[in-house]
Amino acid sequence: MSKKNLKVEAGEKTRAHLVAAARRLFANGYESVGTPDIVAEAGVTRGALYHHFRNKEALFYAVVEEVAADVEKRIDAAADAAEDLPGSIVAGSHAFLSVFQDDEVRQVFLVDALSVLGWSTWREIDARHGLGSLKDGLRACAEQGYLSADDVETTAHLISGALNEAVFLLCDRPSDAALQTRVFARTEQVVRALLTKDHVLTV
């Protein structure tokens, strides 16, 4: 391997160490973490941090992207295992509810990302990952006649909004197993009601 390639590989490893370290720390809240904490956790110098990221917010953006991508992978894996298209949306929705009960994921993506990065940036990231994945699934459902193609956007936002609220409801009462059962059951009912060939919305 050439010296140039070795340098690139070393840089990529350093960047990955920084993102991984920051992700662990940001799980406790963005405001509670300083750049000295991050470089100490990653085992690198401040110079290395600022070589890869212009500031803490830029590093946080990279962490949010990574978290969003990980969430998308888990949702897609659950959806792919379903037996039918509506079932894939149900399974993906259930996976979303489960993964966002993780303190780290919820803190980084649903709590701090909005306040630190702003609404428009958060929406742009979500559009590429969680919401984007949901839209892909709904487009497949539309192709099979489960909803109108013109209604994919609306349905995606309605489901996404409901799921976000459900996450906070579940996290407010983490030990309430009965509530979790009801939320998961109602989620399936709502999704299947929206994706029924006999009731495709035409306007």
N, C-alpha and C. Protein backbone atom coordinates (compact mmCIF):
# COMPACT_ATOMS: atom_id res chain seq x y z
N MET A 1 0.84 -1.20 0.00
CA MET A 1 0.00 0.00 0.00
C MET A 1 0.88 1.25 0.00
N SER A 2 0.53 2.22 -0.83
CA SER A 2 1.33 3.43 -0.94
C SER A 2 1.22 4.28 0.33
N LYS A 3 2.17 5.21 0.49
CA LYS A 3 2.13 6.10 1.65
C LYS A 3 0.85 6.94 1.65
N LYS A 4 0.44 7.34 0.44
CA LYS A 4 -0.78 8.15 0.34
C LYS A 4 -1.98 7.37 0.82
N ASN A 5 -2.08 6.11 0.38
CA ASN A 5 -3.22 5.28 0.79
C ASN A 5 -3.19 4.98 2.29
N LEU A 6 -1.97 4.77 2.82
CA LEU A 6 -1.84 4.54 4.25
C LEU A 6 -2.30 5.76 5.04
N LYS A 7 -1.98 6.94 4.54
CA LYS A 7 -2.39 8.18 5.21
C LYS A 7 -3.90 8.34 5.17
N VAL A 8 -4.49 8.02 4.02
CA VAL A 8 -5.95 8.10 3.90
C VAL A 8 -6.62 7.13 4.85
N GLU A 9 -6.10 5.90 4.90
CA GLU A 9 -6.68 4.88 5.78
C GLU A 9 -6.57 5.30 7.24
N ALA A 10 -5.42 5.85 7.61
CA ALA A 10 -5.22 6.31 8.99
C ALA A 10 -6.20 7.44 9.32
N GLY A 11 -6.40 8.33 8.35
CA GLY A 11 -7.34 9.43 8.56
C GLY A 11 -8.75 8.93 8.74
N GLU A 12 -9.14 7.94 7.95
CA GLU A 12 -10.49 7.37 8.06
C GLU A 12 -10.69 6.69 9.41
N LYS A 13 -9.65 6.03 9.90
CA LYS A 13 -9.74 5.38 11.21
C LYS A 13 -9.88 6.41 12.32
N THR A 14 -9.10 7.49 12.21
CA THR A 14 -9.19 8.55 13.22
C THR A 14 -10.58 9.17 13.23
N ARG A 15 -11.12 9.43 12.05
CA ARG A 15 -12.46 10.00 11.95
C ARG A 15 -13.49 9.06 12.56
N ALA A 16 -13.36 7.76 12.27
CA ALA A 16 -14.29 6.78 12.82
C ALA A 16 -14.20 6.72 14.33
N HIS A 17 -12.98 6.82 14.88
CA HIS A 17 -12.79 6.82 16.34
C HIS A 17 -13.48 8.03 16.95
N LEU A 18 -13.36 9.17 16.30
CA LEU A 18 -13.97 10.39 16.81
C LEU A 18 -15.49 10.29 16.81
N VAL A 19 -16.04 9.78 15.72
CA VAL A 19 -17.50 9.65 15.64
C VAL A 19 -18.00 8.66 16.68
N ALA A 20 -17.31 7.53 16.83
CA ALA A 20 -17.73 6.52 17.80
C ALA A 20 -17.65 7.06 19.23
N ALA A 21 -16.58 7.77 19.53
CA ALA A 21 -16.42 8.34 20.87
C ALA A 21 -17.48 9.39 21.14
N ALA A 22 -17.69 10.26 20.17
CA ALA A 22 -18.70 11.31 20.33
C ALA A 22 -20.10 10.72 20.48
N ARG A 23 -20.36 9.67 19.74
CA ARG A 23 -21.68 9.03 19.84
C ARG A 23 -21.94 8.51 21.25
N ARG A 24 -20.93 7.89 21.85
CA ARG A 24 -21.08 7.40 23.23
C ARG A 24 -21.35 8.55 24.19
N LEU A 25 -20.63 9.64 24.01
CA LEU A 25 -20.76 10.77 24.92
C LEU A 25 -22.05 11.55 24.69
N PHE A 26 -22.43 11.73 23.43
CA PHE A 26 -23.64 12.49 23.13
C PHE A 26 -24.90 11.77 23.59
N ALA A 27 -24.79 10.50 23.90
CA ALA A 27 -25.93 9.77 24.45
C ALA A 27 -26.38 10.37 25.78
N ASN A 28 -25.48 11.11 26.44
CA ASN A 28 -25.80 11.76 27.71
C ASN A 28 -26.29 13.19 27.52
N GLY A 29 -26.39 13.63 26.26
CA GLY A 29 -26.85 14.99 25.99
C GLY A 29 -25.76 15.83 25.36
N TYR A 30 -26.10 16.53 24.30
CA TYR A 30 -25.12 17.33 23.56
C TYR A 30 -24.47 18.40 24.43
N GLU A 31 -25.26 19.11 25.22
CA GLU A 31 -24.73 20.23 25.99
C GLU A 31 -23.78 19.79 27.10
N SER A 32 -23.89 18.55 27.52
CA SER A 32 -23.03 18.07 28.61
C SER A 32 -21.65 17.64 28.13
N VAL A 33 -21.41 17.67 26.83
CA VAL A 33 -20.16 17.18 26.25
C VAL A 33 -19.33 18.32 25.69
N GLY A 34 -18.05 18.35 26.05
CA GLY A 34 -17.12 19.33 25.49
C GLY A 34 -16.12 18.66 24.58
N THR A 35 -15.46 19.43 23.74
CA THR A 35 -14.46 18.83 22.85
C THR A 35 -13.31 18.16 23.60
N PRO A 36 -12.89 18.67 24.78
CA PRO A 36 -11.85 17.93 25.52
C PRO A 36 -12.33 16.53 25.92
N ASP A 37 -13.61 16.40 26.25
CA ASP A 37 -14.15 15.08 26.58
C ASP A 37 -14.07 14.14 25.38
N ILE A 38 -14.37 14.68 24.21
CA ILE A 38 -14.41 13.86 23.00
C ILE A 38 -13.01 13.37 22.63
N VAL A 39 -12.03 14.26 22.63
CA VAL A 39 -10.68 13.83 22.24
C VAL A 39 -10.10 12.86 23.26
N ALA A 40 -10.45 13.05 24.53
CA ALA A 40 -9.98 12.11 25.55
C ALA A 40 -10.61 10.74 25.35
N GLU A 41 -11.90 10.72 25.05
CA GLU A 41 -12.61 9.45 24.83
C GLU A 41 -12.09 8.74 23.58
N ALA A 42 -11.77 9.52 22.55
CA ALA A 42 -11.30 8.94 21.29
C ALA A 42 -9.81 8.61 21.32
N GLY A 43 -9.08 9.20 22.25
CA GLY A 43 -7.65 8.96 22.33
C GLY A 43 -6.88 9.65 21.21
N VAL A 44 -7.34 10.85 20.82
CA VAL A 44 -6.67 11.60 19.76
C VAL A 44 -6.40 13.02 20.27
N THR A 45 -5.72 13.80 19.45
CA THR A 45 -5.41 15.18 19.82
C THR A 45 -6.53 16.12 19.36
N ARG A 46 -6.55 17.32 19.93
CA ARG A 46 -7.51 18.33 19.49
C ARG A 46 -7.26 18.69 18.02
N GLY A 47 -5.99 18.65 17.63
CA GLY A 47 -5.66 18.93 16.24
C GLY A 47 -6.31 17.93 15.31
N ALA A 48 -6.34 16.67 15.73
CA ALA A 48 -6.97 15.63 14.91
C ALA A 48 -8.46 15.87 14.80
N LEU A 49 -9.07 16.29 15.91
CA LEU A 49 -10.51 16.59 15.89
C LEU A 49 -10.81 17.69 14.88
N TYR A 50 -10.07 18.78 14.95
CA TYR A 50 -10.35 19.92 14.09
C TYR A 50 -9.85 19.73 12.65
N HIS A 51 -9.04 18.72 12.45
CA HIS A 51 -8.66 18.36 11.08
C HIS A 51 -9.84 17.74 10.35
N HIS A 52 -10.62 16.95 11.08
CA HIS A 52 -11.75 16.23 10.47
C HIS A 52 -13.07 16.97 10.59
N PHE A 53 -13.23 17.78 11.63
CA PHE A 53 -14.49 18.47 11.88
C PHE A 53 -14.20 19.91 12.30
N ARG A 54 -14.94 20.85 11.70
CA ARG A 54 -14.63 22.25 11.97
C ARG A 54 -15.02 22.66 13.40
N ASN A 55 -16.00 21.93 13.99
CA ASN A 55 -16.41 22.25 15.36
C ASN A 55 -17.24 21.08 15.92
N LYS A 56 -17.68 21.24 17.15
CA LYS A 56 -18.45 20.16 17.79
C LYS A 56 -19.75 19.89 17.05
N GLU A 57 -20.38 20.92 16.54
CA GLU A 57 -21.65 20.73 15.83
C GLU A 57 -21.47 19.89 14.57
N ALA A 58 -20.36 20.11 13.87
CA ALA A 58 -20.10 19.32 12.66
C ALA A 58 -19.89 17.85 13.01
N LEU A 59 -19.22 17.60 14.12
CA LEU A 59 -19.05 16.22 14.58
C LEU A 59 -20.39 15.62 14.98
N PHE A 60 -21.21 16.42 15.63
CA PHE A 60 -22.54 15.94 16.02
C PHE A 60 -23.36 15.58 14.79
N TYR A 61 -23.25 16.38 13.75
CA TYR A 61 -23.96 16.09 12.50
C TYR A 61 -23.57 14.70 11.98
N ALA A 62 -22.27 14.40 12.02
CA ALA A 62 -21.80 13.09 11.57
C ALA A 62 -22.38 11.97 12.44
N VAL A 63 -22.48 12.22 13.74
CA VAL A 63 -23.06 11.23 14.65
C VAL A 63 -24.54 11.01 14.33
N VAL A 64 -25.27 12.09 14.10
CA VAL A 64 -26.69 11.98 13.78
C VAL A 64 -26.89 11.19 12.49
N GLU A 65 -26.05 11.46 11.49
CA GLU A 65 -26.12 10.71 10.23
C GLU A 65 -25.90 9.22 10.48
N GLU A 66 -24.93 8.89 11.31
CA GLU A 66 -24.64 7.49 11.58
C GLU A 66 -25.79 6.82 12.33
N VAL A 67 -26.33 7.51 13.31
CA VAL A 67 -27.47 6.96 14.06
C VAL A 67 -28.66 6.74 13.13
N ALA A 68 -28.95 7.72 12.29
CA ALA A 68 -30.08 7.61 11.36
C ALA A 68 -29.89 6.44 10.40
N ALA A 69 -28.66 6.25 9.92
CA ALA A 69 -28.38 5.14 9.01
C ALA A 69 -28.55 3.80 9.72
N ASP A 70 -28.11 3.73 10.97
CA ASP A 70 -28.27 2.48 11.74
C ASP A 70 -29.74 2.16 11.98
N VAL A 71 -30.52 3.18 12.30
CA VAL A 71 -31.96 2.99 12.50
C VAL A 71 -32.60 2.49 11.21
N GLU A 72 -32.23 3.10 10.09
CA GLU A 72 -32.79 2.69 8.79
C GLU A 72 -32.49 1.22 8.51
N LYS A 73 -31.27 0.78 8.80
CA LYS A 73 -30.90 -0.62 8.57
C LYS A 73 -31.77 -1.56 9.39
N ARG A 74 -32.02 -1.22 10.64
CA ARG A 74 -32.83 -2.07 11.50
C ARG A 74 -34.29 -2.11 11.04
N ILE A 75 -34.79 -0.96 10.60
CA ILE A 75 -36.16 -0.91 10.09
C ILE A 75 -36.28 -1.74 8.82
N ASP A 76 -35.33 -1.56 7.91
CA ASP A 76 -35.37 -2.29 6.64
C ASP A 76 -35.25 -3.80 6.84
N ALA A 77 -34.42 -4.20 7.80
CA ALA A 77 -34.27 -5.63 8.07
C ALA A 77 -35.57 -6.23 8.56
N ALA A 78 -36.26 -5.51 9.43
CA ALA A 78 -37.55 -5.99 9.94
C ALA A 78 -38.58 -6.02 8.82
N ALA A 79 -38.61 -4.98 8.00
CA ALA A 79 -39.57 -4.90 6.90
C ALA A 79 -39.35 -6.00 5.88
N ASP A 80 -38.09 -6.29 5.59
CA ASP A 80 -37.77 -7.31 4.59
C ASP A 80 -38.20 -8.71 5.02
N ALA A 81 -38.35 -8.91 6.31
CA ALA A 81 -38.72 -10.25 6.81
C ALA A 81 -40.23 -10.46 6.81
N ALA A 82 -41.01 -9.43 6.50
CA ALA A 82 -42.47 -9.54 6.53
C ALA A 82 -42.99 -10.35 5.34
N GLU A 83 -44.19 -10.89 5.50
CA GLU A 83 -44.75 -11.77 4.48
C GLU A 83 -45.48 -11.01 3.38
N ASP A 84 -45.96 -9.79 3.65
CA ASP A 84 -46.65 -9.02 2.62
C ASP A 84 -46.27 -7.55 2.75
N LEU A 85 -46.69 -6.73 1.78
CA LEU A 85 -46.28 -5.33 1.77
C LEU A 85 -46.85 -4.54 2.95
N PRO A 86 -48.15 -4.62 3.24
CA PRO A 86 -48.62 -3.93 4.45
C PRO A 86 -47.91 -4.42 5.70
N GLY A 87 -47.65 -5.71 5.75
CA GLY A 87 -46.93 -6.27 6.89
C GLY A 87 -45.53 -5.72 7.02
N SER A 88 -44.90 -5.38 5.88
CA SER A 88 -43.56 -4.80 5.94
C SER A 88 -43.59 -3.40 6.56
N ILE A 89 -44.65 -2.66 6.30
CA ILE A 89 -44.78 -1.33 6.92
C ILE A 89 -45.04 -1.47 8.41
N VAL A 90 -45.87 -2.45 8.77
CA VAL A 90 -46.13 -2.72 10.19
C VAL A 90 -44.84 -3.12 10.89
N ALA A 91 -44.10 -4.06 10.30
CA ALA A 91 -42.86 -4.54 10.92
C ALA A 91 -41.83 -3.41 11.04
N GLY A 92 -41.74 -2.60 10.00
CA GLY A 92 -40.81 -1.47 10.06
C GLY A 92 -41.21 -0.47 11.12
N SER A 93 -42.52 -0.24 11.26
CA SER A 93 -43.02 0.68 12.28
C SER A 93 -42.72 0.15 13.68
N HIS A 94 -42.94 -1.13 13.88
CA HIS A 94 -42.63 -1.75 15.17
C HIS A 94 -41.13 -1.67 15.48
N ALA A 95 -40.30 -1.87 14.45
CA ALA A 95 -38.85 -1.77 14.65
C ALA A 95 -38.47 -0.35 15.04
N PHE A 96 -39.11 0.63 14.43
CA PHE A 96 -38.87 2.04 14.78
C PHE A 96 -39.21 2.28 16.25
N LEU A 97 -40.36 1.81 16.68
CA LEU A 97 -40.77 2.00 18.07
C LEU A 97 -39.77 1.35 19.03
N SER A 98 -39.27 0.20 18.64
CA SER A 98 -38.33 -0.52 19.50
C SER A 98 -36.98 0.18 19.57
N VAL A 99 -36.43 0.55 18.41
CA VAL A 99 -35.09 1.11 18.39
C VAL A 99 -35.04 2.47 19.07
N PHE A 100 -36.12 3.25 18.99
CA PHE A 100 -36.10 4.56 19.60
C PHE A 100 -36.40 4.54 21.09
N GLN A 101 -36.62 3.38 21.64
CA GLN A 101 -36.67 3.27 23.09
C GLN A 101 -35.26 3.15 23.68
N ASP A 102 -34.28 3.00 22.80
CA ASP A 102 -32.88 3.04 23.20
C ASP A 102 -32.51 4.48 23.56
N ASP A 103 -31.98 4.69 24.75
CA ASP A 103 -31.70 6.04 25.24
C ASP A 103 -30.78 6.82 24.31
N GLU A 104 -29.73 6.17 23.82
CA GLU A 104 -28.76 6.84 22.96
C GLU A 104 -29.41 7.33 21.67
N VAL A 105 -30.15 6.45 21.01
CA VAL A 105 -30.77 6.78 19.73
C VAL A 105 -31.78 7.91 19.91
N ARG A 106 -32.60 7.80 20.93
CA ARG A 106 -33.64 8.82 21.17
C ARG A 106 -33.02 10.17 21.51
N GLN A 107 -32.01 10.16 22.39
CA GLN A 107 -31.38 11.42 22.80
C GLN A 107 -30.72 12.12 21.62
N VAL A 108 -29.98 11.36 20.83
CA VAL A 108 -29.24 11.96 19.72
C VAL A 108 -30.18 12.43 18.62
N PHE A 109 -31.11 11.55 18.19
CA PHE A 109 -31.87 11.87 16.98
C PHE A 109 -33.18 12.61 17.23
N LEU A 110 -33.89 12.27 18.28
CA LEU A 110 -35.19 12.88 18.49
C LEU A 110 -35.16 14.07 19.45
N VAL A 111 -34.13 14.16 20.28
CA VAL A 111 -34.06 15.26 21.25
C VAL A 111 -33.05 16.32 20.80
N ASP A 112 -31.78 15.96 20.75
CA ASP A 112 -30.75 16.96 20.50
C ASP A 112 -30.62 17.38 19.03
N ALA A 113 -30.85 16.47 18.11
CA ALA A 113 -30.65 16.82 16.69
C ALA A 113 -31.54 17.98 16.28
N LEU A 114 -32.76 18.01 16.78
CA LEU A 114 -33.67 19.09 16.43
C LEU A 114 -33.18 20.44 16.94
N SER A 115 -32.72 20.48 18.18
CA SER A 115 -32.31 21.75 18.77
C SER A 115 -30.93 22.19 18.29
N VAL A 116 -30.03 21.25 18.06
CA VAL A 116 -28.66 21.60 17.68
C VAL A 116 -28.55 21.90 16.18
N LEU A 117 -29.13 21.04 15.36
CA LEU A 117 -28.99 21.18 13.91
C LEU A 117 -30.09 22.01 13.29
N GLY A 118 -31.22 22.09 13.97
CA GLY A 118 -32.35 22.85 13.42
C GLY A 118 -33.32 21.96 12.68
N TRP A 119 -34.54 22.46 12.56
CA TRP A 119 -35.63 21.69 11.98
C TRP A 119 -35.34 21.28 10.54
N SER A 120 -34.88 22.21 9.71
CA SER A 120 -34.69 21.90 8.29
C SER A 120 -33.60 20.86 8.07
N THR A 121 -32.52 20.96 8.83
CA THR A 121 -31.43 19.97 8.69
C THR A 121 -31.89 18.61 9.19
N TRP A 122 -32.60 18.60 10.31
CA TRP A 122 -33.13 17.34 10.83
C TRP A 122 -34.05 16.68 9.82
N ARG A 123 -34.91 17.47 9.20
CA ARG A 123 -35.84 16.94 8.20
C ARG A 123 -35.09 16.38 6.99
N GLU A 124 -34.02 17.05 6.62
CA GLU A 124 -33.24 16.61 5.46
C GLU A 124 -32.58 15.26 5.75
N ILE A 125 -32.05 15.09 6.96
CA ILE A 125 -31.46 13.80 7.33
C ILE A 125 -32.52 12.71 7.40
N ASP A 126 -33.63 13.03 8.04
CA ASP A 126 -34.72 12.05 8.16
C ASP A 126 -35.26 11.65 6.79
N ALA A 127 -35.30 12.60 5.86
CA ALA A 127 -35.80 12.31 4.52
C ALA A 127 -34.93 11.29 3.79
N ARG A 128 -33.66 11.24 4.13
CA ARG A 128 -32.75 10.29 3.50
C ARG A 128 -32.78 8.93 4.17
N HIS A 129 -33.27 8.89 5.40
CA HIS A 129 -33.18 7.65 6.16
C HIS A 129 -34.57 7.14 6.59
N GLY A 130 -35.01 7.48 7.79
CA GLY A 130 -36.26 6.92 8.30
C GLY A 130 -37.47 7.20 7.44
N LEU A 131 -37.75 8.48 7.19
CA LEU A 131 -38.90 8.85 6.38
C LEU A 131 -38.70 8.39 4.94
N GLY A 132 -37.48 8.47 4.47
CA GLY A 132 -37.19 8.02 3.11
C GLY A 132 -37.45 6.54 2.94
N SER A 133 -37.05 5.75 3.93
CA SER A 133 -37.29 4.31 3.88
C SER A 133 -38.78 4.00 3.92
N LEU A 134 -39.53 4.74 4.74
CA LEU A 134 -40.97 4.56 4.82
C LEU A 134 -41.63 4.88 3.49
N LYS A 135 -41.20 5.95 2.84
CA LYS A 135 -41.77 6.31 1.55
C LYS A 135 -41.49 5.23 0.50
N ASP A 136 -40.30 4.65 0.53
CA ASP A 136 -39.97 3.58 -0.41
C ASP A 136 -40.94 2.41 -0.22
N GLY A 137 -41.20 2.06 1.03
CA GLY A 137 -42.11 0.96 1.31
C GLY A 137 -43.53 1.27 0.86
N LEU A 138 -43.95 2.51 1.07
CA LEU A 138 -45.30 2.90 0.67
C LEU A 138 -45.43 2.98 -0.85
N ARG A 139 -44.37 3.36 -1.53
CA ARG A 139 -44.41 3.35 -3.00
C ARG A 139 -44.62 1.93 -3.52
N ALA A 140 -43.94 0.98 -2.88
CA ALA A 140 -44.13 -0.42 -3.27
C ALA A 140 -45.58 -0.85 -3.02
N CYS A 141 -46.14 -0.39 -1.90
CA CYS A 141 -47.54 -0.70 -1.60
C CYS A 141 -48.46 -0.07 -2.65
N ALA A 142 -48.15 1.14 -3.08
CA ALA A 142 -48.96 1.82 -4.08
C ALA A 142 -48.93 1.07 -5.40
N GLU A 143 -47.77 0.54 -5.75
CA GLU A 143 -47.66 -0.23 -7.00
C GLU A 143 -48.53 -1.48 -6.99
N GLN A 144 -48.80 -1.98 -5.80
CA GLN A 144 -49.64 -3.17 -5.67
C GLN A 144 -51.09 -2.82 -5.35
N GLY A 145 -51.43 -1.53 -5.38
CA GLY A 145 -52.81 -1.11 -5.22
C GLY A 145 -53.29 -0.95 -3.80
N TYR A 146 -52.37 -0.86 -2.84
CA TYR A 146 -52.79 -0.69 -1.44
C TYR A 146 -53.09 0.76 -1.08
N LEU A 147 -52.64 1.69 -1.89
CA LEU A 147 -52.99 3.11 -1.74
C LEU A 147 -52.67 3.81 -3.04
N SER A 148 -53.19 5.01 -3.18
CA SER A 148 -52.94 5.79 -4.38
C SER A 148 -51.50 6.29 -4.38
N ALA A 149 -50.88 6.30 -5.54
CA ALA A 149 -49.52 6.81 -5.65
C ALA A 149 -49.44 8.27 -5.20
N ASP A 150 -50.51 9.01 -5.44
CA ASP A 150 -50.53 10.42 -5.04
C ASP A 150 -50.62 10.60 -3.52
N ASP A 151 -50.93 9.51 -2.82
CA ASP A 151 -51.13 9.60 -1.37
C ASP A 151 -49.93 9.10 -0.57
N VAL A 152 -48.87 8.71 -1.26
CA VAL A 152 -47.69 8.18 -0.56
C VAL A 152 -47.10 9.22 0.38
N GLU A 153 -46.90 10.45 -0.09
CA GLU A 153 -46.28 11.50 0.72
C GLU A 153 -47.09 11.77 1.98
N THR A 154 -48.40 11.96 1.80
CA THR A 154 -49.26 12.25 2.95
C THR A 154 -49.24 11.12 3.96
N THR A 155 -49.40 9.90 3.47
CA THR A 155 -49.44 8.74 4.36
C THR A 155 -48.13 8.57 5.11
N ALA A 156 -47.02 8.79 4.42
CA ALA A 156 -45.71 8.66 5.06
C ALA A 156 -45.56 9.64 6.22
N HIS A 157 -45.98 10.88 6.02
CA HIS A 157 -45.85 11.88 7.08
C HIS A 157 -46.81 11.60 8.24
N LEU A 158 -48.00 11.12 7.92
CA LEU A 158 -48.95 10.78 8.99
C LEU A 158 -48.42 9.64 9.86
N ILE A 159 -47.91 8.60 9.21
CA ILE A 159 -47.38 7.46 9.97
C ILE A 159 -46.15 7.89 10.77
N SER A 160 -45.26 8.64 10.13
CA SER A 160 -44.04 9.08 10.81
C SER A 160 -44.36 9.93 12.03
N GLY A 161 -45.28 10.86 11.89
CA GLY A 161 -45.65 11.71 13.03
C GLY A 161 -46.24 10.91 14.16
N ALA A 162 -47.09 9.96 13.82
CA ALA A 162 -47.70 9.12 14.86
C ALA A 162 -46.65 8.29 15.58
N LEU A 163 -45.68 7.77 14.83
CA LEU A 163 -44.64 6.95 15.44
C LEU A 163 -43.75 7.77 16.37
N ASN A 164 -43.42 9.00 15.95
CA ASN A 164 -42.59 9.85 16.81
C ASN A 164 -43.29 10.11 18.14
N GLU A 165 -44.58 10.41 18.10
CA GLU A 165 -45.33 10.66 19.34
C GLU A 165 -45.43 9.39 20.17
N ALA A 166 -45.61 8.26 19.51
CA ALA A 166 -45.70 6.98 20.23
C ALA A 166 -44.42 6.67 20.97
N VAL A 167 -43.28 7.01 20.36
CA VAL A 167 -41.99 6.78 21.02
C VAL A 167 -41.92 7.52 22.35
N PHE A 168 -42.29 8.80 22.34
CA PHE A 168 -42.22 9.58 23.58
C PHE A 168 -43.23 9.08 24.61
N LEU A 169 -44.38 8.62 24.15
CA LEU A 169 -45.36 8.05 25.07
C LEU A 169 -44.79 6.81 25.75
N LEU A 170 -44.17 5.94 24.98
CA LEU A 170 -43.59 4.72 25.53
C LEU A 170 -42.43 5.03 26.48
N CYS A 171 -41.63 6.03 26.12
CA CYS A 171 -40.48 6.36 26.95
C CYS A 171 -40.87 7.05 28.26
N ASP A 172 -42.03 7.68 28.27
CA ASP A 172 -42.52 8.27 29.51
C ASP A 172 -42.94 7.20 30.51
N ARG A 173 -43.29 6.02 30.00
CA ARG A 173 -43.74 4.92 30.86
C ARG A 173 -43.05 3.62 30.44
N PRO A 174 -41.72 3.57 30.61
CA PRO A 174 -40.92 2.46 30.08
C PRO A 174 -41.23 1.09 30.69
N SER A 175 -41.78 1.07 31.89
CA SER A 175 -42.06 -0.22 32.54
C SER A 175 -43.50 -0.68 32.34
N ASP A 176 -44.26 0.06 31.56
CA ASP A 176 -45.67 -0.27 31.34
C ASP A 176 -45.81 -1.22 30.15
N ALA A 177 -45.74 -2.51 30.43
CA ALA A 177 -45.81 -3.51 29.38
C ALA A 177 -47.16 -3.49 28.67
N ALA A 178 -48.21 -3.21 29.41
CA ALA A 178 -49.55 -3.18 28.81
C ALA A 178 -49.65 -2.05 27.79
N LEU A 179 -49.07 -0.90 28.13
CA LEU A 179 -49.08 0.23 27.20
C LEU A 179 -48.32 -0.13 25.93
N GLN A 180 -47.18 -0.75 26.06
CA GLN A 180 -46.40 -1.13 24.88
C GLN A 180 -47.21 -2.07 23.99
N THR A 181 -47.89 -3.03 24.60
CA THR A 181 -48.70 -3.96 23.82
C THR A 181 -49.79 -3.22 23.06
N ARG A 182 -50.44 -2.26 23.73
CA ARG A 182 -51.50 -1.49 23.09
C ARG A 182 -50.96 -0.64 21.94
N VAL A 183 -49.82 0.01 22.17
CA VAL A 183 -49.24 0.87 21.14
C VAL A 183 -48.87 0.06 19.90
N PHE A 184 -48.24 -1.08 20.11
CA PHE A 184 -47.85 -1.91 18.98
C PHE A 184 -49.08 -2.43 18.24
N ALA A 185 -50.11 -2.81 18.99
CA ALA A 185 -51.33 -3.33 18.37
C ALA A 185 -52.05 -2.24 17.59
N ARG A 186 -52.16 -1.05 18.18
CA ARG A 186 -52.84 0.06 17.51
C ARG A 186 -52.05 0.51 16.28
N THR A 187 -50.74 0.48 16.37
CA THR A 187 -49.93 0.83 15.21
C THR A 187 -50.24 -0.09 14.03
N GLU A 188 -50.32 -1.38 14.30
CA GLU A 188 -50.66 -2.32 13.23
C GLU A 188 -52.05 -2.04 12.67
N GLN A 189 -53.00 -1.77 13.56
CA GLN A 189 -54.36 -1.49 13.10
C GLN A 189 -54.39 -0.26 12.19
N VAL A 190 -53.70 0.78 12.60
CA VAL A 190 -53.70 2.02 11.81
C VAL A 190 -53.06 1.79 10.44
N VAL A 191 -51.91 1.15 10.44
CA VAL A 191 -51.21 0.92 9.17
C VAL A 191 -52.04 0.06 8.23
N ARG A 192 -52.60 -1.02 8.75
CA ARG A 192 -53.37 -1.90 7.88
C ARG A 192 -54.66 -1.23 7.41
N ALA A 193 -55.21 -0.34 8.23
CA ALA A 193 -56.40 0.40 7.79
C ALA A 193 -56.07 1.35 6.65
N LEU A 194 -54.87 1.92 6.69
CA LEU A 194 -54.45 2.83 5.64
C LEU A 194 -54.08 2.11 4.36
N LEU A 195 -53.69 0.84 4.48
CA LEU A 195 -53.22 0.09 3.32
C LEU A 195 -54.15 -1.08 3.03
N THR A 196 -55.34 -0.74 2.64
CA THR A 196 -56.36 -1.73 2.31
C THR A 196 -56.84 -1.49 0.89
N LYS A 197 -56.74 -2.49 0.04
CA LYS A 197 -57.10 -2.31 -1.37
C LYS A 197 -58.55 -1.91 -1.55
N ASP A 198 -59.42 -2.32 -0.63
CA ASP A 198 -60.84 -1.99 -0.74
C ASP A 198 -61.14 -0.54 -0.40
N HIS A 199 -60.16 0.16 0.20
CA HIS A 199 -60.43 1.53 0.65
C HIS A 199 -59.32 2.49 0.18
N VAL A 200 -58.90 2.35 -1.06
CA VAL A 200 -57.89 3.24 -1.59
C VAL A 200 -58.52 4.63 -1.76
N LEU A 201 -57.85 5.64 -1.20
CA LEU A 201 -58.37 7.01 -1.26
C LEU A 201 -58.20 7.58 -2.65
N THR A 202 -59.29 8.10 -3.21
CA THR A 202 -59.22 8.79 -4.50
C THR A 202 -59.85 10.17 -4.33
N VAL A 203 -59.10 11.20 -4.67
CA VAL A 203 -59.62 12.56 -4.55
C VAL A 203 -59.32 13.34 -5.82
